[in-house]
Amino acid sequence: MEPYQLGLLNEKESLDLLLQKALPFQNPSEISSDLLEVGKSLPKKCNGLPLALIVAGGILSTKEPSYTAWERVLRTMDWHSNGNHCMDVVALNYEDMPHHLKTGFKYFASFPIDYEISAKQLI
């Protein structure tokens, strides 16, 4: 079975995904304009990468929904270190992850990129 190749998201799709993860119970039309202002800058830093957007949204969901808190995330993240767009985002999210999830995350991280993991290996 060939893996499905997920493409990059456009600007609108990126913002929608980020907001869905950051503010899952809030109607997008009710988000304040100052929060949307910084919210629109974050997807640009993720370059349309769904994983980076999901992780960034997860980080934002743990923060106060304010311009100051979101702008701090935008400002402090090194989104392009060594050509790797989302490792810092993943690392920061890992630090906030509950202990019981870290074990599974480390287990999956031990497999090489694009490695096909069989169900038997997981059990």
PDB file of N, CA and C in Angstrom:
ATOM      1  N   MET A   1       0.837  -1.170   0.000  1.00  0.00           N
ATOM      2  CA  MET A   1       0.000   0.000   0.000  1.00  0.00           C
ATOM      3  C   MET A   1       0.891   1.245   0.000  1.00  0.00           C
ATOM      4  N   GLU A   2       0.642   2.135  -0.939  1.00  0.00           N
ATOM      5  CA  GLU A   2       1.402   3.380  -1.041  1.00  0.00           C
ATOM      6  C   GLU A   2       0.922   4.381   0.005  1.00  0.00           C
ATOM      7  N   PRO A   3       1.860   5.045   0.696  1.00  0.00           N
ATOM      8  CA  PRO A   3       1.426   6.063   1.660  1.00  0.00           C
ATOM      9  C   PRO A   3       0.827   7.269   0.949  1.00  0.00           C
ATOM     10  N   TYR A   4      -0.143   7.881   1.589  1.00  0.00           N
ATOM     11  CA  TYR A   4      -0.770   9.075   1.037  1.00  0.00           C
ATOM     12  C   TYR A   4       0.158  10.262   1.254  1.00  0.00           C
ATOM     13  N   GLN A   5       0.458  10.984   0.204  1.00  0.00           N
ATOM     14  CA  GLN A   5       1.330  12.141   0.292  1.00  0.00           C
ATOM     15  C   GLN A   5       0.500  13.374   0.630  1.00  0.00           C
ATOM     16  N   LEU A   6       0.665  13.870   1.835  1.00  0.00           N
ATOM     17  CA  LEU A   6      -0.067  15.038   2.286  1.00  0.00           C
ATOM     18  C   LEU A   6       0.669  16.284   1.812  1.00  0.00           C
ATOM     19  N   GLY A   7      -0.024  17.134   1.084  1.00  0.00           N
ATOM     20  CA  GLY A   7       0.583  18.349   0.572  1.00  0.00           C
ATOM     21  C   GLY A   7       0.590  19.462   1.602  1.00  0.00           C
ATOM     22  N   LEU A   8       1.205  20.566   1.231  1.00  0.00           N
ATOM     23  CA  LEU A   8       1.229  21.740   2.094  1.00  0.00           C
ATOM     24  C   LEU A   8      -0.118  22.444   2.027  1.00  0.00           C
ATOM     25  N   LEU A   9      -0.452  23.125   3.091  1.00  0.00           N
ATOM     26  CA  LEU A   9      -1.720  23.848   3.159  1.00  0.00           C
ATOM     27  C   LEU A   9      -1.523  25.281   2.678  1.00  0.00           C
ATOM     28  N   ASN A  10      -2.572  25.849   2.097  1.00  0.00           N
ATOM     29  CA  ASN A  10      -2.490  27.257   1.705  1.00  0.00           C
ATOM     30  C   ASN A  10      -2.707  28.121   2.950  1.00  0.00           C
ATOM     31  N   GLU A  11      -2.672  29.443   2.768  1.00  0.00           N
ATOM     32  CA  GLU A  11      -2.764  30.366   3.900  1.00  0.00           C
ATOM     33  C   GLU A  11      -4.063  30.216   4.695  1.00  0.00           C
ATOM     34  N   LYS A  12      -5.180  30.129   4.003  1.00  0.00           N
ATOM     35  CA  LYS A  12      -6.484  30.017   4.677  1.00  0.00           C
ATOM     36  C   LYS A  12      -6.603  28.678   5.397  1.00  0.00           C
ATOM     37  N   GLU A  13      -6.230  27.594   4.723  1.00  0.00           N
ATOM     38  CA  GLU A  13      -6.293  26.269   5.340  1.00  0.00           C
ATOM     39  C   GLU A  13      -5.383  26.205   6.568  1.00  0.00           C
ATOM     40  N   SER A  14      -4.208  26.826   6.461  1.00  0.00           N
ATOM     41  CA  SER A  14      -3.263  26.835   7.579  1.00  0.00           C
ATOM     42  C   SER A  14      -3.842  27.558   8.787  1.00  0.00           C
ATOM     43  N   LEU A  15      -4.422  28.738   8.553  1.00  0.00           N
ATOM     44  CA  LEU A  15      -5.020  29.494   9.654  1.00  0.00           C
ATOM     45  C   LEU A  15      -6.194  28.733  10.254  1.00  0.00           C
ATOM     46  N   ASP A  16      -7.029  28.138   9.416  1.00  0.00           N
ATOM     47  CA  ASP A  16      -8.180  27.364   9.903  1.00  0.00           C
ATOM     48  C   ASP A  16      -7.730  26.211  10.802  1.00  0.00           C
ATOM     49  N   LEU A  17      -6.710  25.475  10.369  1.00  0.00           N
ATOM     50  CA  LEU A  17      -6.209  24.346  11.152  1.00  0.00           C
ATOM     51  C   LEU A  17      -5.611  24.825  12.471  1.00  0.00           C
ATOM     52  N   LEU A  18      -4.813  25.877  12.415  1.00  0.00           N
ATOM     53  CA  LEU A  18      -4.198  26.421  13.622  1.00  0.00           C
ATOM     54  C   LEU A  18      -5.268  26.841  14.631  1.00  0.00           C
ATOM     55  N   LEU A  19      -6.261  27.581  14.169  1.00  0.00           N
ATOM     56  CA  LEU A  19      -7.319  28.061  15.073  1.00  0.00           C
ATOM     57  C   LEU A  19      -8.170  26.913  15.606  1.00  0.00           C
ATOM     58  N   GLN A  20      -8.402  25.899  14.775  1.00  0.00           N
ATOM     59  CA  GLN A  20      -9.176  24.732  15.209  1.00  0.00           C
ATOM     60  C   GLN A  20      -8.463  24.024  16.363  1.00  0.00           C
ATOM     61  N   LYS A  21      -7.146  23.948  16.299  1.00  0.00           N
ATOM     62  CA  LYS A  21      -6.376  23.288  17.351  1.00  0.00           C
ATOM     63  C   LYS A  21      -6.170  24.195  18.559  1.00  0.00           C
ATOM     64  N   ALA A  22      -5.959  25.490  18.323  1.00  0.00           N
ATOM     65  CA  ALA A  22      -5.682  26.421  19.415  1.00  0.00           C
ATOM     66  C   ALA A  22      -6.931  26.775  20.217  1.00  0.00           C
ATOM     67  N   LEU A  23      -8.050  26.924  19.517  1.00  0.00           N
ATOM     68  CA  LEU A  23      -9.308  27.333  20.153  1.00  0.00           C
ATOM     69  C   LEU A  23     -10.435  26.405  19.692  1.00  0.00           C
ATOM     70  N   PRO A  24     -10.398  25.129  20.100  1.00  0.00           N
ATOM     71  CA  PRO A  24     -11.331  24.139  19.552  1.00  0.00           C
ATOM     72  C   PRO A  24     -12.808  24.403  19.839  1.00  0.00           C
ATOM     73  N   PHE A  25     -13.106  25.139  20.899  1.00  0.00           N
ATOM     74  CA  PHE A  25     -14.503  25.344  21.269  1.00  0.00           C
ATOM     75  C   PHE A  25     -14.998  26.752  20.972  1.00  0.00           C
ATOM     76  N   GLN A  26     -14.221  27.498  20.198  1.00  0.00           N
ATOM     77  CA  GLN A  26     -14.598  28.874  19.903  1.00  0.00           C
ATOM     78  C   GLN A  26     -14.954  29.038  18.431  1.00  0.00           C
ATOM     79  N   ASN A  27     -16.010  29.753  18.170  1.00  0.00           N
ATOM     80  CA  ASN A  27     -16.430  30.054  16.807  1.00  0.00           C
ATOM     81  C   ASN A  27     -15.404  31.016  16.198  1.00  0.00           C
ATOM     82  N   PRO A  28     -14.837  30.693  15.044  1.00  0.00           N
ATOM     83  CA  PRO A  28     -13.819  31.565  14.436  1.00  0.00           C
ATOM     84  C   PRO A  28     -14.273  33.009  14.241  1.00  0.00           C
ATOM     85  N   SER A  29     -15.554  33.234  14.026  1.00  0.00           N
ATOM     86  CA  SER A  29     -16.040  34.602  13.824  1.00  0.00           C
ATOM     87  C   SER A  29     -16.035  35.409  15.118  1.00  0.00           C
ATOM     88  N   GLU A  30     -15.877  34.746  16.259  1.00  0.00           N
ATOM     89  CA  GLU A  30     -15.866  35.421  17.552  1.00  0.00           C
ATOM     90  C   GLU A  30     -14.459  35.709  18.075  1.00  0.00           C
ATOM     91  N   ILE A  31     -13.440  35.359  17.312  1.00  0.00           N
ATOM     92  CA  ILE A  31     -12.057  35.586  17.740  1.00  0.00           C
ATOM     93  C   ILE A  31     -11.721  37.058  17.544  1.00  0.00           C
ATOM     94  N   SER A  32     -11.121  37.656  18.561  1.00  0.00           N
ATOM     95  CA  SER A  32     -10.815  39.085  18.501  1.00  0.00           C
ATOM     96  C   SER A  32      -9.824  39.396  17.374  1.00  0.00           C
ATOM     97  N   SER A  33      -9.901  40.619  16.870  1.00  0.00           N
ATOM     98  CA  SER A  33      -9.066  41.015  15.733  1.00  0.00           C
ATOM     99  C   SER A  33      -7.583  41.034  16.088  1.00  0.00           C
ATOM    100  N   ASP A  34      -7.233  41.414  17.326  1.00  0.00           N
ATOM    101  CA  ASP A  34      -5.817  41.420  17.695  1.00  0.00           C
ATOM    102  C   ASP A  34      -5.261  40.004  17.798  1.00  0.00           C
ATOM    103  N   LEU A  35      -6.094  39.060  18.268  1.00  0.00           N
ATOM    104  CA  LEU A  35      -5.668  37.663  18.323  1.00  0.00           C
ATOM    105  C   LEU A  35      -5.523  37.101  16.905  1.00  0.00           C
ATOM    106  N   LEU A  36      -6.439  37.450  16.031  1.00  0.00           N
ATOM    107  CA  LEU A  36      -6.344  37.021  14.635  1.00  0.00           C
ATOM    108  C   LEU A  36      -5.105  37.591  13.953  1.00  0.00           C
ATOM    109  N   GLU A  37      -4.726  38.807  14.338  1.00  0.00           N
ATOM    110  CA  GLU A  37      -3.547  39.445  13.755  1.00  0.00           C
ATOM    111  C   GLU A  37      -2.292  38.600  13.980  1.00  0.00           C
ATOM    112  N   VAL A  38      -2.061  38.213  15.223  1.00  0.00           N
ATOM    113  CA  VAL A  38      -0.896  37.368  15.502  1.00  0.00           C
ATOM    114  C   VAL A  38      -1.146  35.948  15.002  1.00  0.00           C
ATOM    115  N   GLY A  39      -2.414  35.514  15.044  1.00  0.00           N
ATOM    116  CA  GLY A  39      -2.753  34.194  14.538  1.00  0.00           C
ATOM    117  C   GLY A  39      -2.417  34.011  13.072  1.00  0.00           C
ATOM    118  N   LYS A  40      -2.551  35.068  12.291  1.00  0.00           N
ATOM    119  CA  LYS A  40      -2.231  35.002  10.860  1.00  0.00           C
ATOM    120  C   LYS A  40      -0.729  34.942  10.606  1.00  0.00           C
ATOM    121  N   SER A  41       0.071  35.396  11.559  1.00  0.00           N
ATOM    122  CA  SER A  41       1.526  35.350  11.404  1.00  0.00           C
ATOM    123  C   SER A  41       2.077  33.955  11.679  1.00  0.00           C
ATOM    124  N   LEU A  42       1.452  33.229  12.580  1.00  0.00           N
ATOM    125  CA  LEU A  42       1.947  31.901  12.950  1.00  0.00           C
ATOM    126  C   LEU A  42       1.944  30.904  11.791  1.00  0.00           C
ATOM    127  N   PRO A  43       0.865  30.796  11.009  1.00  0.00           N
ATOM    128  CA  PRO A  43       0.894  29.842   9.894  1.00  0.00           C
ATOM    129  C   PRO A  43       1.987  30.142   8.866  1.00  0.00           C
ATOM    130  N   LYS A  44       2.318  31.400   8.689  1.00  0.00           N
ATOM    131  CA  LYS A  44       3.392  31.752   7.754  1.00  0.00           C
ATOM    132  C   LYS A  44       4.712  31.155   8.215  1.00  0.00           C
ATOM    133  N   LYS A  45       4.916  31.097   9.524  1.00  0.00           N
ATOM    134  CA  LYS A  45       6.139  30.521  10.076  1.00  0.00           C
ATOM    135  C   LYS A  45       6.181  29.003   9.886  1.00  0.00           C
ATOM    136  N   CYS A  46       5.001  28.389   9.757  1.00  0.00           N
ATOM    137  CA  CYS A  46       4.918  26.932   9.608  1.00  0.00           C
ATOM    138  C   CYS A  46       5.033  26.481   8.153  1.00  0.00           C
ATOM    139  N   ASN A  47       5.043  27.428   7.220  1.00  0.00           N
ATOM    140  CA  ASN A  47       5.209  27.117   5.792  1.00  0.00           C
ATOM    141  C   ASN A  47       4.214  26.095   5.261  1.00  0.00           C
ATOM    142  N   GLY A  48       2.997  26.076   5.815  1.00  0.00           N
ATOM    143  CA  GLY A  48       1.979  25.159   5.318  1.00  0.00           C
ATOM    144  C   GLY A  48       2.133  23.719   5.765  1.00  0.00           C
ATOM    145  N   LEU A  49       3.053  23.460   6.689  1.00  0.00           N
ATOM    146  CA  LEU A  49       3.275  22.091   7.174  1.00  0.00           C
ATOM    147  C   LEU A  49       2.209  21.728   8.207  1.00  0.00           C
ATOM    148  N   PRO A  50       1.340  20.760   7.887  1.00  0.00           N
ATOM    149  CA  PRO A  50       0.263  20.405   8.811  1.00  0.00           C
ATOM    150  C   PRO A  50       0.752  20.015  10.207  1.00  0.00           C
ATOM    151  N   LEU A  51       1.829  19.244  10.310  1.00  0.00           N
ATOM    152  CA  LEU A  51       2.332  18.833  11.624  1.00  0.00           C
ATOM    153  C   LEU A  51       2.734  20.044  12.451  1.00  0.00           C
ATOM    154  N   ALA A  52       3.454  20.973  11.838  1.00  0.00           N
ATOM    155  CA  ALA A  52       3.881  22.171  12.561  1.00  0.00           C
ATOM    156  C   ALA A  52       2.677  22.981  13.023  1.00  0.00           C
ATOM    157  N   LEU A  53       1.654  23.072  12.180  1.00  0.00           N
ATOM    158  CA  LEU A  53       0.449  23.823  12.537  1.00  0.00           C
ATOM    159  C   LEU A  53      -0.311  23.154  13.682  1.00  0.00           C
ATOM    160  N   ILE A  54      -0.408  21.850  13.646  1.00  0.00           N
ATOM    161  CA  ILE A  54      -1.102  21.105  14.704  1.00  0.00           C
ATOM    162  C   ILE A  54      -0.361  21.251  16.028  1.00  0.00           C
ATOM    163  N   VAL A  55       0.942  21.123  15.981  1.00  0.00           N
ATOM    164  CA  VAL A  55       1.733  21.250  17.207  1.00  0.00           C
ATOM    165  C   VAL A  55       1.670  22.683  17.732  1.00  0.00           C
ATOM    166  N   ALA A  56       1.814  23.669  16.839  1.00  0.00           N
ATOM    167  CA  ALA A  56       1.726  25.070  17.264  1.00  0.00           C
ATOM    168  C   ALA A  56       0.351  25.360  17.852  1.00  0.00           C
ATOM    169  N   GLY A  57      -0.698  24.847  17.233  1.00  0.00           N
ATOM    170  CA  GLY A  57      -2.038  25.021  17.766  1.00  0.00           C
ATOM    171  C   GLY A  57      -2.196  24.375  19.131  1.00  0.00           C
ATOM    172  N   GLY A  58      -1.584  23.219  19.300  1.00  0.00           N
ATOM    173  CA  GLY A  58      -1.615  22.544  20.603  1.00  0.00           C
ATOM    174  C   GLY A  58      -0.920  23.360  21.676  1.00  0.00           C
ATOM    175  N   ILE A  59       0.189  23.968  21.324  1.00  0.00           N
ATOM    176  CA  ILE A  59       0.904  24.830  22.274  1.00  0.00           C
ATOM    177  C   ILE A  59       0.028  26.029  22.633  1.00  0.00           C
ATOM    178  N   LEU A  60      -0.561  26.661  21.618  1.00  0.00           N
ATOM    179  CA  LEU A  60      -1.410  27.832  21.863  1.00  0.00           C
ATOM    180  C   LEU A  60      -2.625  27.479  22.711  1.00  0.00           C
ATOM    181  N   SER A  61      -3.118  26.258  22.569  1.00  0.00           N
ATOM    182  CA  SER A  61      -4.311  25.861  23.335  1.00  0.00           C
ATOM    183  C   SER A  61      -4.023  25.810  24.833  1.00  0.00           C
ATOM    184  N   THR A  62      -2.752  25.711  25.211  1.00  0.00           N
ATOM    185  CA  THR A  62      -2.386  25.682  26.632  1.00  0.00           C
ATOM    186  C   THR A  62      -2.107  27.078  27.167  1.00  0.00           C
ATOM    187  N   LYS A  63      -2.117  28.073  26.298  1.00  0.00           N
ATOM    188  CA  LYS A  63      -1.829  29.459  26.678  1.00  0.00           C
ATOM    189  C   LYS A  63      -3.119  30.262  26.771  1.00  0.00           C
ATOM    190  N   GLU A  64      -3.037  31.370  27.470  1.00  0.00           N
ATOM    191  CA  GLU A  64      -4.163  32.292  27.526  1.00  0.00           C
ATOM    192  C   GLU A  64      -4.424  32.831  26.128  1.00  0.00           C
ATOM    193  N   PRO A  65      -5.674  32.867  25.675  1.00  0.00           N
ATOM    194  CA  PRO A  65      -5.941  33.381  24.323  1.00  0.00           C
ATOM    195  C   PRO A  65      -5.862  34.911  24.289  1.00  0.00           C
ATOM    196  N   SER A  66      -4.624  35.398  24.325  1.00  0.00           N
ATOM    197  CA  SER A  66      -4.402  36.843  24.296  1.00  0.00           C
ATOM    198  C   SER A  66      -3.303  37.154  23.286  1.00  0.00           C
ATOM    199  N   TYR A  67      -3.310  38.367  22.794  1.00  0.00           N
ATOM    200  CA  TYR A  67      -2.282  38.801  21.843  1.00  0.00           C
ATOM    201  C   TYR A  67      -0.893  38.605  22.444  1.00  0.00           C
ATOM    202  N   THR A  68      -0.726  38.988  23.701  1.00  0.00           N
ATOM    203  CA  THR A  68       0.582  38.916  24.358  1.00  0.00           C
ATOM    204  C   THR A  68       1.100  37.478  24.426  1.00  0.00           C
ATOM    205  N   ALA A  69       0.250  36.556  24.845  1.00  0.00           N
ATOM    206  CA  ALA A  69       0.674  35.156  24.973  1.00  0.00           C
ATOM    207  C   ALA A  69       0.998  34.552  23.610  1.00  0.00           C
ATOM    208  N   TRP A  70       0.146  34.800  22.623  1.00  0.00           N
ATOM    209  CA  TRP A  70       0.376  34.233  21.296  1.00  0.00           C
ATOM    210  C   TRP A  70       1.581  34.885  20.629  1.00  0.00           C
ATOM    211  N   GLU A  71       1.748  36.166  20.828  1.00  0.00           N
ATOM    212  CA  GLU A  71       2.885  36.868  20.221  1.00  0.00           C
ATOM    213  C   GLU A  71       4.191  36.362  20.826  1.00  0.00           C
ATOM    214  N   ARG A  72       4.183  36.019  22.101  1.00  0.00           N
ATOM    215  CA  ARG A  72       5.372  35.473  22.756  1.00  0.00           C
ATOM    216  C   ARG A  72       5.754  34.133  22.124  1.00  0.00           C
ATOM    217  N   VAL A  73       4.762  33.303  21.825  1.00  0.00           N
ATOM    218  CA  VAL A  73       5.038  32.027  21.157  1.00  0.00           C
ATOM    219  C   VAL A  73       5.645  32.293  19.781  1.00  0.00           C
ATOM    220  N   LEU A  74       5.053  33.209  19.044  1.00  0.00           N
ATOM    221  CA  LEU A  74       5.560  33.567  17.714  1.00  0.00           C
ATOM    222  C   LEU A  74       6.995  34.072  17.788  1.00  0.00           C
ATOM    223  N   ARG A  75       7.264  34.933  18.754  1.00  0.00           N
ATOM    224  CA  ARG A  75       8.575  35.589  18.872  1.00  0.00           C
ATOM    225  C   ARG A  75       9.662  34.636  19.380  1.00  0.00           C
ATOM    226  N   THR A  76       9.323  33.741  20.279  1.00  0.00           N
ATOM    227  CA  THR A  76      10.354  32.923  20.927  1.00  0.00           C
ATOM    228  C   THR A  76      10.679  31.625  20.203  1.00  0.00           C
ATOM    229  N   MET A  77       9.851  31.231  19.278  1.00  0.00           N
ATOM    230  CA  MET A  77      10.106  29.978  18.569  1.00  0.00           C
ATOM    231  C   MET A  77      11.128  30.187  17.464  1.00  0.00           C
ATOM    232  N   ASP A  78      12.110  29.309  17.414  1.00  0.00           N
ATOM    233  CA  ASP A  78      13.095  29.335  16.337  1.00  0.00           C
ATOM    234  C   ASP A  78      12.599  28.358  15.280  1.00  0.00           C
ATOM    235  N   TRP A  79      11.775  28.870  14.372  1.00  0.00           N
ATOM    236  CA  TRP A  79      11.057  28.026  13.424  1.00  0.00           C
ATOM    237  C   TRP A  79      11.926  27.477  12.299  1.00  0.00           C
ATOM    238  N   HIS A  80      13.107  28.039  12.070  1.00  0.00           N
ATOM    239  CA  HIS A  80      13.911  27.621  10.922  1.00  0.00           C
ATOM    240  C   HIS A  80      15.325  27.199  11.318  1.00  0.00           C
ATOM    241  N   SER A  81      15.513  26.686  12.508  1.00  0.00           N
ATOM    242  CA  SER A  81      16.852  26.315  12.924  1.00  0.00           C
ATOM    243  C   SER A  81      17.384  25.166  12.069  1.00  0.00           C
ATOM    244  N   ASN A  82      18.554  25.363  11.553  1.00  0.00           N
ATOM    245  CA  ASN A  82      19.253  24.354  10.747  1.00  0.00           C
ATOM    246  C   ASN A  82      18.397  23.788   9.619  1.00  0.00           C
ATOM    247  N   GLY A  83      17.526  24.600   9.053  1.00  0.00           N
ATOM    248  CA  GLY A  83      16.709  24.144   7.940  1.00  0.00           C
ATOM    249  C   GLY A  83      15.557  23.249   8.346  1.00  0.00           C
ATOM    250  N   ASN A  84      15.398  22.992   9.623  1.00  0.00           N
ATOM    251  CA  ASN A  84      14.321  22.121  10.073  1.00  0.00           C
ATOM    252  C   ASN A  84      13.178  22.980  10.590  1.00  0.00           C
ATOM    253  N   HIS A  85      12.042  22.948   9.923  1.00  0.00           N
ATOM    254  CA  HIS A  85      10.949  23.866  10.195  1.00  0.00           C
ATOM    255  C   HIS A  85      10.164  23.584  11.461  1.00  0.00           C
ATOM    256  N   CYS A  86      10.108  22.368  11.932  1.00  0.00           N
ATOM    257  CA  CYS A  86       9.189  22.132  13.050  1.00  0.00           C
ATOM    258  C   CYS A  86       9.807  21.401  14.239  1.00  0.00           C
ATOM    259  N   MET A  87      11.093  21.126  14.261  1.00  0.00           N
ATOM    260  CA  MET A  87      11.675  20.412  15.391  1.00  0.00           C
ATOM    261  C   MET A  87      11.548  21.191  16.695  1.00  0.00           C
ATOM    262  N   ASP A  88      11.760  22.501  16.665  1.00  0.00           N
ATOM    263  CA  ASP A  88      11.606  23.287  17.887  1.00  0.00           C
ATOM    264  C   ASP A  88      10.167  23.303  18.347  1.00  0.00           C
ATOM    265  N   VAL A  89       9.244  23.330  17.410  1.00  0.00           N
ATOM    266  CA  VAL A  89       7.828  23.305  17.756  1.00  0.00           C
ATOM    267  C   VAL A  89       7.504  21.974  18.422  1.00  0.00           C
ATOM    268  N   VAL A  90       7.982  20.878  17.852  1.00  0.00           N
ATOM    269  CA  VAL A  90       7.736  19.552  18.421  1.00  0.00           C
ATOM    270  C   VAL A  90       8.399  19.436  19.786  1.00  0.00           C
ATOM    271  N   ALA A  91       9.621  19.945  19.924  1.00  0.00           N
ATOM    272  CA  ALA A  91      10.328  19.867  21.197  1.00  0.00           C
ATOM    273  C   ALA A  91       9.579  20.615  22.296  1.00  0.00           C
ATOM    274  N   LEU A  92       9.080  21.794  21.980  1.00  0.00           N
ATOM    275  CA  LEU A  92       8.343  22.566  22.974  1.00  0.00           C
ATOM    276  C   LEU A  92       7.056  21.850  23.355  1.00  0.00           C
ATOM    277  N   ASN A  93       6.370  21.270  22.395  1.00  0.00           N
ATOM    278  CA  ASN A  93       5.148  20.534  22.679  1.00  0.00           C
ATOM    279  C   ASN A  93       5.456  19.289  23.513  1.00  0.00           C
ATOM    280  N   TYR A  94       6.580  18.648  23.255  1.00  0.00           N
ATOM    281  CA  TYR A  94       6.979  17.465  24.023  1.00  0.00           C
ATOM    282  C   TYR A  94       7.155  17.829  25.496  1.00  0.00           C
ATOM    283  N   GLU A  95       7.750  18.971  25.759  1.00  0.00           N
ATOM    284  CA  GLU A  95       7.962  19.393  27.144  1.00  0.00           C
ATOM    285  C   GLU A  95       6.635  19.591  27.879  1.00  0.00           C
ATOM    286  N   ASP A  96       5.592  20.018  27.178  1.00  0.00           N
ATOM    287  CA  ASP A  96       4.282  20.228  27.781  1.00  0.00           C
ATOM    288  C   ASP A  96       3.431  18.957  27.819  1.00  0.00           C
ATOM    289  N   MET A  97       3.914  17.890  27.224  1.00  0.00           N
ATOM    290  CA  MET A  97       3.149  16.650  27.098  1.00  0.00           C
ATOM    291  C   MET A  97       3.060  15.917  28.444  1.00  0.00           C
ATOM    292  N   PRO A  98       1.892  15.338  28.762  1.00  0.00           N
ATOM    293  CA  PRO A  98       1.792  14.543  29.992  1.00  0.00           C
ATOM    294  C   PRO A  98       2.764  13.359  29.943  1.00  0.00           C
ATOM    295  N   HIS A  99       3.260  12.976  31.099  1.00  0.00           N
ATOM    296  CA  HIS A  99       4.276  11.922  31.191  1.00  0.00           C
ATOM    297  C   HIS A  99       3.850  10.625  30.500  1.00  0.00           C
ATOM    298  N   HIS A 100       2.586  10.231  30.650  1.00  0.00           N
ATOM    299  CA  HIS A 100       2.139   8.952  30.087  1.00  0.00           C
ATOM    300  C   HIS A 100       2.152   8.951  28.548  1.00  0.00           C
ATOM    301  N   LEU A 101       2.160  10.118  27.921  1.00  0.00           N
ATOM    302  CA  LEU A 101       2.225  10.179  26.457  1.00  0.00           C
ATOM    303  C   LEU A 101       3.666  10.236  25.936  1.00  0.00           C
ATOM    304  N   LYS A 102       4.581  10.671  26.780  1.00  0.00           N
ATOM    305  CA  LYS A 102       5.975  10.813  26.345  1.00  0.00           C
ATOM    306  C   LYS A 102       6.585   9.471  25.948  1.00  0.00           C
ATOM    307  N   THR A 103       6.231   8.405  26.657  1.00  0.00           N
ATOM    308  CA  THR A 103       6.777   7.081  26.344  1.00  0.00           C
ATOM    309  C   THR A 103       6.407   6.652  24.934  1.00  0.00           C
ATOM    310  N   GLY A 104       5.127   6.797  24.579  1.00  0.00           N
ATOM    311  CA  GLY A 104       4.680   6.440  23.232  1.00  0.00           C
ATOM    312  C   GLY A 104       5.321   7.319  22.174  1.00  0.00           C
ATOM    313  N   PHE A 105       5.453   8.600  22.475  1.00  0.00           N
ATOM    314  CA  PHE A 105       6.076   9.522  21.536  1.00  0.00           C
ATOM    315  C   PHE A 105       7.527   9.114  21.272  1.00  0.00           C
ATOM    316  N   LYS A 106       8.251   8.791  22.334  1.00  0.00           N
ATOM    317  CA  LYS A 106       9.650   8.361  22.175  1.00  0.00           C
ATOM    318  C   LYS A 106       9.734   7.050  21.391  1.00  0.00           C
ATOM    319  N   TYR A 107       8.788   6.137  21.650  1.00  0.00           N
ATOM    320  CA  TYR A 107       8.790   4.859  20.944  1.00  0.00           C
ATOM    321  C   TYR A 107       8.652   5.077  19.441  1.00  0.00           C
ATOM    322  N   PHE A 108       7.676   5.897  19.034  1.00  0.00           N
ATOM    323  CA  PHE A 108       7.478   6.147  17.605  1.00  0.00           C
ATOM    324  C   PHE A 108       8.645   6.939  17.015  1.00  0.00           C
ATOM    325  N   ALA A 109       9.256   7.793  17.807  1.00  0.00           N
ATOM    326  CA  ALA A 109      10.398   8.568  17.321  1.00  0.00           C
ATOM    327  C   ALA A 109      11.619   7.679  17.071  1.00  0.00           C
ATOM    328  N   SER A 110      11.622   6.482  17.661  1.00  0.00           N
ATOM    329  CA  SER A 110      12.766   5.587  17.466  1.00  0.00           C
ATOM    330  C   SER A 110      12.780   4.924  16.090  1.00  0.00           C
ATOM    331  N   PHE A 111      11.669   4.985  15.367  1.00  0.00           N
ATOM    332  CA  PHE A 111      11.612   4.412  14.030  1.00  0.00           C
ATOM    333  C   PHE A 111      12.147   5.423  13.015  1.00  0.00           C
ATOM    334  N   PRO A 112      12.819   4.940  11.989  1.00  0.00           N
ATOM    335  CA  PRO A 112      13.314   5.860  10.946  1.00  0.00           C
ATOM    336  C   PRO A 112      12.157   6.534  10.209  1.00  0.00           C
ATOM    337  N   ILE A 113      12.426   7.680   9.647  1.00  0.00           N
ATOM    338  CA  ILE A 113      11.436   8.397   8.849  1.00  0.00           C
ATOM    339  C   ILE A 113      11.005   7.511   7.689  1.00  0.00           C
ATOM    340  N   ASP A 114       9.720   7.491   7.387  1.00  0.00           N
ATOM    341  CA  ASP A 114       9.118   6.716   6.304  1.00  0.00           C
ATOM    342  C   ASP A 114       9.174   5.207   6.523  1.00  0.00           C
ATOM    343  N   TYR A 115       9.477   4.783   7.739  1.00  0.00           N
ATOM    344  CA  TYR A 115       9.501   3.351   8.059  1.00  0.00           C
ATOM    345  C   TYR A 115       8.067   2.870   8.234  1.00  0.00           C
ATOM    346  N   GLU A 116       7.731   1.756   7.608  1.00  0.00           N
ATOM    347  CA  GLU A 116       6.401   1.197   7.744  1.00  0.00           C
ATOM    348  C   GLU A 116       6.362   0.349   9.007  1.00  0.00           C
ATOM    349  N   ILE A 117       5.501   0.712   9.940  1.00  0.00           N
ATOM    350  CA  ILE A 117       5.396   0.022  11.214  1.00  0.00           C
ATOM    351  C   ILE A 117       4.214  -0.937  11.152  1.00  0.00           C
ATOM    352  N   SER A 118       4.487  -2.205  11.338  1.00  0.00           N
ATOM    353  CA  SER A 118       3.396  -3.191  11.291  1.00  0.00           C
ATOM    354  C   SER A 118       2.665  -3.227  12.622  1.00  0.00           C
ATOM    355  N   ALA A 119       1.417  -3.651  12.583  1.00  0.00           N
ATOM    356  CA  ALA A 119       0.619  -3.755  13.808  1.00  0.00           C
ATOM    357  C   ALA A 119       1.247  -4.732  14.781  1.00  0.00           C
ATOM    358  N   LYS A 120       1.888  -5.798  14.261  1.00  0.00           N
ATOM    359  CA  LYS A 120       2.521  -6.798  15.123  1.00  0.00           C
ATOM    360  C   LYS A 120       3.644  -6.154  15.953  1.00  0.00           C
ATOM    361  N   GLN A 121       4.385  -5.223  15.349  1.00  0.00           N
ATOM    362  CA  GLN A 121       5.462  -4.561  16.075  1.00  0.00           C
ATOM    363  C   GLN A 121       4.914  -3.706  17.205  1.00  0.00           C
ATOM    364  N   LEU A 122       3.770  -3.143  17.030  1.00  0.00           N
ATOM    365  CA  LEU A 122       3.202  -2.287  18.057  1.00  0.00           C
ATOM    366  C   LEU A 122       2.664  -3.077  19.231  1.00  0.00           C
ATOM    367  N   ILE A 123       2.211  -4.288  18.950  1.00  0.00           N
ATOM    368  CA  ILE A 123       1.661  -5.132  20.013  1.00  0.00           C
ATOM    369  C   ILE A 123       2.786  -5.891  20.656  1.00  0.00           C
TER     370      ILE A 123
END
